[in-house]
Amino acid sequence: MKLRQVLINLLDNALKFTREGNVTLQIVKDYEPCEEVDGCRFVICVIDTGPGIAAEELNKLGGAFVQAQAGRHAREGTGFGIGH
């Protein structure tokens, strides 16, 4: 359920901030063995052509919540993007 919610949030944000271009959800099975996990791993990427986060704001990721410039400019959503 948590993974589902994270994917919904990432896709919703990507669609909200991508006015032109595309949004892609990519899921790839990781074929490298993982000793810590019984099963397989997947690499999940949400790729979009939206504005992303400005280089000078990247250092804010992982800290206390701060809305990025793209979100403030759009006046909606969190503006949380994952670079270009």
Protein backbone atom coordinates (compact mmCIF):
# COMPACT_ATOMS: atom_id res chain seq x y z
CA MET A 1 0.00 0.00 0.00
CA LYS A 2 2.86 2.41 0.81
CA LEU A 3 4.57 1.80 -2.53
CA ARG A 4 1.26 2.37 -4.31
CA GLN A 5 0.79 5.72 -2.54
CA VAL A 6 4.35 6.83 -3.30
CA LEU A 7 3.88 6.00 -6.99
CA ILE A 8 0.54 7.81 -7.11
CA ASN A 9 2.10 10.89 -5.50
CA LEU A 10 5.12 10.89 -7.82
CA LEU A 11 2.99 10.43 -10.94
CA ASP A 12 0.46 13.04 -9.81
CA ASN A 13 3.24 15.54 -9.20
CA ALA A 14 4.92 14.77 -12.53
CA LEU A 15 1.63 15.25 -14.40
CA LYS A 16 0.84 18.45 -12.49
CA PHE A 17 4.17 20.09 -13.37
CA THR A 18 4.59 18.80 -16.93
CA ARG A 19 2.63 21.20 -19.13
CA GLU A 20 4.33 20.00 -22.34
CA GLY A 21 6.28 16.86 -23.13
CA ASN A 22 5.77 13.55 -21.41
CA VAL A 23 5.65 11.57 -18.18
CA THR A 24 7.00 8.01 -18.15
CA LEU A 25 6.71 5.33 -15.48
CA GLN A 26 9.53 2.82 -15.93
CA ILE A 27 9.80 -0.42 -13.95
CA VAL A 28 12.81 -2.66 -14.58
CA LYS A 29 13.65 -5.93 -12.85
CA ASP A 30 17.09 -5.78 -11.23
CA TYR A 31 18.85 -9.00 -12.20
CA GLU A 32 21.69 -8.57 -9.72
CA PRO A 33 21.26 -10.98 -6.80
CA CYS A 34 20.39 -9.37 -3.50
CA GLU A 35 21.46 -11.32 -0.42
CA GLU A 36 19.47 -9.11 1.98
CA VAL A 37 16.12 -9.83 0.35
CA ASP A 38 14.45 -13.13 -0.46
CA GLY A 39 13.05 -12.42 -3.92
CA CYS A 40 13.79 -9.89 -6.59
CA ARG A 41 14.22 -6.13 -6.71
CA PHE A 42 12.79 -3.63 -9.13
CA VAL A 43 14.05 -0.21 -10.14
CA ILE A 44 11.15 2.22 -10.45
CA CYS A 45 11.59 5.58 -12.20
CA VAL A 46 9.17 8.41 -12.87
CA ILE A 47 10.66 10.48 -15.68
CA ASP A 48 9.12 13.76 -16.83
CA THR A 49 9.93 16.82 -18.88
CA GLY A 50 8.68 19.22 -16.20
CA PRO A 51 10.83 21.97 -14.68
CA GLY A 52 12.39 19.82 -11.94
CA ILE A 53 14.32 21.44 -9.11
CA ALA A 54 16.82 24.20 -9.73
CA ALA A 55 20.42 23.21 -9.00
CA GLU A 56 20.64 25.69 -6.12
CA GLU A 57 17.63 24.04 -4.42
CA LEU A 58 18.83 20.41 -4.64
CA ASN A 59 20.62 20.64 -1.29
CA LYS A 60 17.21 21.13 0.39
CA LEU A 61 16.04 17.60 -0.51
CA GLY A 62 15.69 15.37 2.52
CA GLY A 63 15.48 18.25 4.97
CA ALA A 64 12.49 19.98 6.48
CA PHE A 65 9.66 20.66 4.04
CA VAL A 66 10.29 23.61 1.76
CA GLN A 67 8.39 24.18 -1.45
CA ALA A 68 10.65 24.49 -4.50
CA GLN A 69 10.40 27.48 -6.82
CA ALA A 70 8.48 25.46 -9.45
CA GLY A 71 5.72 24.78 -6.90
CA ARG A 72 5.59 28.38 -5.71
CA HIS A 73 5.38 29.56 -9.33
CA ALA A 74 2.58 27.10 -10.20
CA ARG A 75 0.78 27.89 -6.90
CA GLU A 76 -0.26 24.27 -6.48
CA GLY A 77 1.19 20.99 -5.30
CA THR A 78 4.37 20.63 -3.34
CA GLY A 79 6.76 21.51 -6.14
CA PHE A 80 8.89 18.57 -5.04
CA GLY A 81 10.82 17.44 -8.13
CA ILE A 82 13.81 15.24 -8.69
CA GLY A 83 16.21 17.30 -10.81
CA HIS A 84 16.72 16.98 -14.55
